[in-house]
Amino acid sequence: MTKYPEKPEAVYYFGTCLVDLLYPNAGMAGIKLIQREGVEVIFPQKQTCCGQPAFNAGHQDEARSVAALQVELFPKDIPIVIPSGSCGGMIRKHYPVLFEHHALESEAESVARRTFELTEFLVHVLKIKLEDIGEPVKVTWHTSCHAKREMGIEDEPKKLLRQLKNVKLQELEREDECCGFGGTFAIKEPHISAAMVTDKIEDVTKTGADCLLGGDCGCLLNISGAMKHSGITTEHQHIAEFIWQRTDKSNV
């Protein structure tokens, strides 16, 4: 069982490439959720990619070069929060191996040890309590492969959603199945990827949900694109943005 730290005074925030380029509101929502709990959020401006695309493609030297730039940005012994199980899994699980016998080995191990996926951090470290001020809505939840299998994220997102009194969570029948994105997998094996995402959107449609929620922007990008191509109008949203919108009293 993971031993979680006490509530810190400050954290680092690693925004991720997809959040930066395609889902900035999700990134800002995660920051605001943490700040609202009285925790300072430090966002190193020089952060870029965690190195996962190159790593998954087998280019370890290139991945290490990219990752080394990130390792040096988080020197303080405070948590690093990431709104992505995929990027979080890369850092927590693969950085120690990637930097084994390297000059930055101890720094990489420290960064890996201090990395938390956002919902994991909200539930286990901040022990956040939510008050829902939104209208009734029906949602479903997609679990990303890396969040579940590398970060060990289980019911943390659902624990947050179940605090929202006007939110009905209709679970997917085949929640644990991959959506077919897998980064470069979708490019290398497009036909297999397309079949997998077709299964996923059929599962989403059967729930009758108004909105599909997820914690990884890659999955959301893939599934939402397939739904749009198929003429399916189900909304999609990162869980951080969804929770912030439903609990932000400044907009009431």
Protein backbone atom coordinates (compact mmCIF):
# COMPACT_ATOMS: atom_id res chain seq x y z
CA MET A 1 0.00 0.00 0.00
CA THR A 2 1.33 3.43 -0.96
CA LYS A 3 2.35 5.61 1.97
CA TYR A 4 1.07 9.10 1.29
CA PRO A 5 2.62 12.25 2.79
CA GLU A 6 0.87 14.76 4.98
CA LYS A 7 -0.71 17.81 3.35
CA PRO A 8 2.19 19.95 2.07
CA GLU A 9 2.48 23.73 2.05
CA ALA A 10 3.47 23.71 -1.64
CA VAL A 11 3.60 21.40 -4.65
CA TYR A 12 5.07 21.42 -8.13
CA TYR A 13 2.65 21.08 -11.05
CA PHE A 14 3.68 19.27 -14.22
CA GLY A 15 1.24 20.35 -16.91
CA THR A 16 1.94 17.78 -19.71
CA CYS A 17 2.11 18.43 -23.45
CA LEU A 18 -1.51 17.63 -24.30
CA VAL A 19 -2.86 19.76 -21.48
CA ASP A 20 -0.69 22.65 -22.61
CA LEU A 21 -1.61 22.39 -26.28
CA LEU A 22 -5.19 21.07 -26.28
CA TYR A 23 -6.75 21.07 -22.80
CA PRO A 24 -5.39 24.15 -20.97
CA ASN A 25 -8.61 24.60 -18.98
CA ALA A 26 -8.12 21.14 -17.49
CA GLY A 27 -4.63 22.08 -16.37
CA MET A 28 -5.80 25.32 -14.80
CA ALA A 29 -8.68 23.56 -13.07
CA GLY A 30 -6.28 21.12 -11.43
CA ILE A 31 -4.16 24.02 -10.20
CA LYS A 32 -7.22 25.83 -8.80
CA LEU A 33 -8.46 22.72 -6.99
CA ILE A 34 -5.12 22.43 -5.20
CA GLN A 35 -4.86 26.15 -4.45
CA ARG A 36 -8.35 26.19 -2.98
CA GLU A 37 -7.11 23.77 -0.33
CA GLY A 38 -4.53 26.30 0.79
CA VAL A 39 -1.56 24.75 -1.01
CA GLU A 40 0.86 26.84 -3.09
CA VAL A 41 1.31 25.59 -6.65
CA ILE A 42 4.69 26.06 -8.33
CA PHE A 43 4.71 25.74 -12.11
CA PRO A 44 8.25 25.60 -13.57
CA GLN A 45 8.03 27.56 -16.80
CA LYS A 46 10.68 25.55 -18.67
CA GLN A 47 8.89 22.21 -18.41
CA THR A 48 8.16 20.43 -21.67
CA CYS A 49 7.60 16.71 -22.31
CA CYS A 50 8.15 13.84 -19.89
CA GLY A 51 9.92 11.87 -22.65
CA GLN A 52 7.34 9.13 -23.00
CA PRO A 53 6.85 9.26 -26.82
CA ALA A 54 10.55 8.66 -27.46
CA PHE A 55 10.73 6.08 -24.65
CA ASN A 56 7.79 4.06 -25.99
CA ALA A 57 9.31 4.15 -29.47
CA GLY A 58 12.51 2.57 -28.15
CA HIS A 59 14.68 5.70 -28.33
CA GLN A 60 16.01 5.66 -24.78
CA ASP A 61 18.87 8.12 -25.30
CA GLU A 62 16.52 10.70 -26.78
CA ALA A 63 13.96 10.06 -24.04
CA ARG A 64 16.66 10.50 -21.40
CA SER A 65 17.75 13.81 -22.91
CA VAL A 66 14.21 15.17 -22.76
CA ALA A 67 13.53 13.73 -19.31
CA ALA A 68 16.78 15.13 -17.89
CA LEU A 69 15.54 18.65 -18.56
CA GLN A 70 12.44 17.91 -16.48
CA VAL A 71 14.28 16.24 -13.61
CA GLU A 72 16.31 19.37 -12.98
CA LEU A 73 13.18 21.55 -12.71
CA PHE A 74 11.85 19.97 -9.50
CA PRO A 75 14.67 20.25 -6.92
CA LYS A 76 12.62 20.92 -3.77
CA ASP A 77 11.52 17.91 -1.72
CA ILE A 78 7.80 18.53 -2.30
CA PRO A 79 5.14 16.58 -4.27
CA ILE A 80 4.87 16.83 -8.04
CA VAL A 81 1.24 16.67 -9.18
CA ILE A 82 0.33 15.66 -12.73
CA PRO A 83 -3.18 15.72 -14.32
CA SER A 84 -2.30 12.59 -16.29
CA GLY A 85 -1.78 8.97 -15.29
CA SER A 86 0.15 8.40 -18.49
CA CYS A 87 2.83 11.02 -17.89
CA GLY A 88 2.77 10.22 -14.19
CA GLY A 89 3.39 6.55 -14.94
CA MET A 90 6.35 7.45 -17.15
CA ILE A 91 7.96 9.47 -14.38
CA ARG A 92 7.15 7.27 -11.39
CA LYS A 93 7.76 3.89 -13.01
CA HIS A 94 10.30 4.45 -15.78
CA TYR A 95 12.53 7.36 -14.70
CA PRO A 96 14.42 5.26 -12.11
CA VAL A 97 15.26 2.69 -14.79
CA LEU A 98 15.95 5.26 -17.49
CA PHE A 99 18.48 7.06 -15.27
CA GLU A 100 20.09 4.02 -13.68
CA HIS A 101 23.89 4.56 -13.41
CA HIS A 102 23.41 8.09 -14.76
CA ALA A 103 24.67 11.31 -13.20
CA LEU A 104 21.06 12.27 -12.43
CA GLU A 105 20.11 8.90 -10.94
CA SER A 106 19.41 10.14 -7.41
CA GLU A 107 17.53 13.20 -8.70
CA ALA A 108 15.40 11.05 -11.01
CA GLU A 109 14.59 8.65 -8.18
CA SER A 110 13.55 11.59 -6.03
CA VAL A 111 11.30 12.99 -8.75
CA ALA A 112 9.73 9.56 -9.30
CA ARG A 113 9.08 9.11 -5.58
CA ARG A 114 7.39 12.52 -5.30
CA THR A 115 5.13 12.20 -8.35
CA PHE A 116 1.36 11.91 -7.90
CA GLU A 117 -1.54 11.72 -10.34
CA LEU A 118 -4.02 14.53 -9.66
CA THR A 119 -7.02 12.53 -8.39
CA GLU A 120 -4.70 10.39 -6.27
CA PHE A 121 -3.30 13.54 -4.69
CA LEU A 122 -6.73 15.12 -4.11
CA VAL A 123 -8.10 11.99 -2.42
CA HIS A 124 -5.18 10.64 -0.41
CA VAL A 125 -3.07 13.69 0.39
CA LEU A 126 -5.45 16.65 0.45
CA LYS A 127 -8.45 14.51 1.44
CA ILE A 128 -10.57 17.01 -0.43
CA LYS A 129 -14.28 17.49 0.34
CA LEU A 130 -16.51 18.69 -2.48
CA GLU A 131 -19.83 20.54 -2.48
CA ASP A 132 -21.76 20.21 -5.72
CA ILE A 133 -23.50 23.36 -6.98
CA GLY A 134 -24.15 22.13 -10.50
CA GLU A 135 -27.28 20.96 -12.26
CA PRO A 136 -28.18 17.25 -12.38
CA VAL A 137 -26.11 15.38 -14.96
CA LYS A 138 -25.30 11.80 -15.92
CA VAL A 139 -21.67 10.95 -16.60
CA THR A 140 -19.51 7.94 -17.32
CA TRP A 141 -15.84 7.39 -16.55
CA HIS A 142 -13.00 6.04 -18.70
CA THR A 143 -9.95 4.68 -16.90
CA SER A 144 -6.66 5.09 -18.77
CA CYS A 145 -4.34 2.09 -18.98
CA HIS A 146 -1.29 3.84 -17.54
CA ALA A 147 -3.22 5.40 -14.67
CA LYS A 148 -4.54 2.00 -13.62
CA ARG A 149 -1.63 -0.28 -14.42
CA GLU A 150 1.38 1.95 -13.78
CA MET A 151 0.13 4.51 -11.25
CA GLY A 152 -2.21 2.12 -9.46
CA ILE A 153 -5.18 4.47 -9.71
CA GLU A 154 -8.35 2.56 -8.87
CA ASP A 155 -11.44 4.27 -7.42
CA GLU A 156 -9.92 7.67 -6.65
CA PRO A 157 -11.71 9.48 -9.53
CA LYS A 158 -15.01 7.83 -8.64
CA LYS A 159 -14.61 8.76 -4.99
CA LEU A 160 -14.45 12.38 -6.08
CA LEU A 161 -17.43 12.08 -8.42
CA ARG A 162 -19.55 10.36 -5.77
CA GLN A 163 -19.17 13.39 -3.53
CA LEU A 164 -21.11 15.41 -6.13
CA LYS A 165 -24.77 15.07 -5.15
CA ASN A 166 -26.22 16.02 -8.54
CA VAL A 167 -23.92 13.77 -10.57
CA LYS A 168 -25.07 10.29 -11.51
CA LEU A 169 -22.18 8.01 -12.43
CA GLN A 170 -23.11 5.31 -14.93
CA GLU A 171 -20.14 2.97 -15.17
CA LEU A 172 -18.91 1.46 -18.42
CA GLU A 173 -19.34 -2.27 -18.88
CA ARG A 174 -15.78 -2.62 -20.24
CA GLU A 175 -14.10 0.20 -18.39
CA ASP A 176 -10.71 -1.50 -18.09
CA GLU A 177 -10.28 -1.93 -21.84
CA CYS A 178 -7.89 0.37 -23.70
CA CYS A 179 -9.41 3.05 -25.94
CA GLY A 180 -6.85 2.26 -28.64
CA PHE A 181 -4.79 5.44 -28.42
CA GLY A 182 -1.55 4.33 -26.81
CA GLY A 183 0.37 7.27 -28.26
CA THR A 184 2.35 5.97 -31.24
CA PHE A 185 0.31 2.75 -31.23
CA ALA A 186 -2.59 4.58 -32.88
CA ILE A 187 -0.23 5.60 -35.69
CA LYS A 188 1.59 2.30 -36.07
CA GLU A 189 -1.52 0.11 -35.85
CA PRO A 190 -4.37 2.36 -37.09
CA HIS A 191 -6.80 -0.44 -37.95
CA ILE A 192 -6.47 -2.14 -34.58
CA SER A 193 -6.68 1.22 -32.83
CA ALA A 194 -9.83 2.14 -34.77
CA ALA A 195 -11.49 -1.15 -33.81
CA MET A 196 -10.64 -0.61 -30.15
CA VAL A 197 -12.00 2.93 -30.01
CA THR A 198 -15.16 1.78 -31.81
CA ASP A 199 -15.76 -0.70 -28.99
CA LYS A 200 -15.14 2.06 -26.47
CA ILE A 201 -17.59 4.58 -27.95
CA GLU A 202 -20.27 1.87 -28.21
CA ASP A 203 -19.80 1.27 -24.50
CA VAL A 204 -19.99 5.01 -23.80
CA THR A 205 -23.16 5.38 -25.87
CA LYS A 206 -24.90 2.51 -24.08
CA THR A 207 -24.58 4.31 -20.74
CA GLY A 208 -26.78 7.18 -21.95
CA ALA A 209 -24.35 9.58 -20.27
CA ASP A 210 -24.39 13.28 -21.05
CA CYS A 211 -20.63 13.50 -20.65
CA LEU A 212 -17.59 11.21 -20.80
CA LEU A 213 -15.00 11.98 -18.15
CA GLY A 214 -11.36 10.95 -18.07
CA GLY A 215 -8.09 11.78 -16.42
CA ASP A 216 -5.82 11.48 -19.45
CA CYS A 217 -6.11 13.91 -22.33
CA GLY A 218 -4.73 11.42 -24.86
CA CYS A 219 -7.63 9.07 -24.21
CA LEU A 220 -10.14 11.93 -24.27
CA LEU A 221 -8.71 13.22 -27.54
CA ASN A 222 -8.93 9.79 -29.15
CA ILE A 223 -12.41 8.87 -27.92
CA SER A 224 -13.94 12.29 -28.55
CA GLY A 225 -12.51 12.37 -32.06
CA ALA A 226 -14.01 8.99 -32.84
CA MET A 227 -17.37 10.05 -31.40
CA LYS A 228 -17.40 13.22 -33.48
CA HIS A 229 -16.51 11.24 -36.62
CA SER A 230 -19.42 8.89 -35.86
CA GLY A 231 -21.88 11.72 -35.25
CA ILE A 232 -22.15 11.04 -31.51
CA THR A 233 -22.82 14.22 -29.53
CA THR A 234 -21.78 13.05 -26.05
CA GLU A 235 -19.66 15.72 -24.39
CA HIS A 236 -16.21 14.97 -22.99
CA GLN A 237 -14.19 16.61 -20.26
CA HIS A 238 -11.15 16.13 -18.05
CA ILE A 239 -12.25 15.32 -14.51
CA ALA A 240 -10.39 18.32 -13.07
CA GLU A 241 -12.29 20.80 -15.22
CA PHE A 242 -15.60 19.02 -14.55
CA ILE A 243 -15.13 19.10 -10.77
CA TRP A 244 -13.94 22.71 -10.73
CA GLN A 245 -16.92 23.94 -12.73
CA ARG A 246 -19.34 22.17 -10.38
CA THR A 247 -17.72 23.39 -7.16
CA ASP A 248 -16.51 26.91 -7.98
CA LYS A 249 -18.76 29.16 -5.90
CA SER A 250 -17.28 32.34 -7.38
CA ASN A 251 -19.42 31.77 -10.47
CA VAL A 252 -22.69 31.46 -8.56
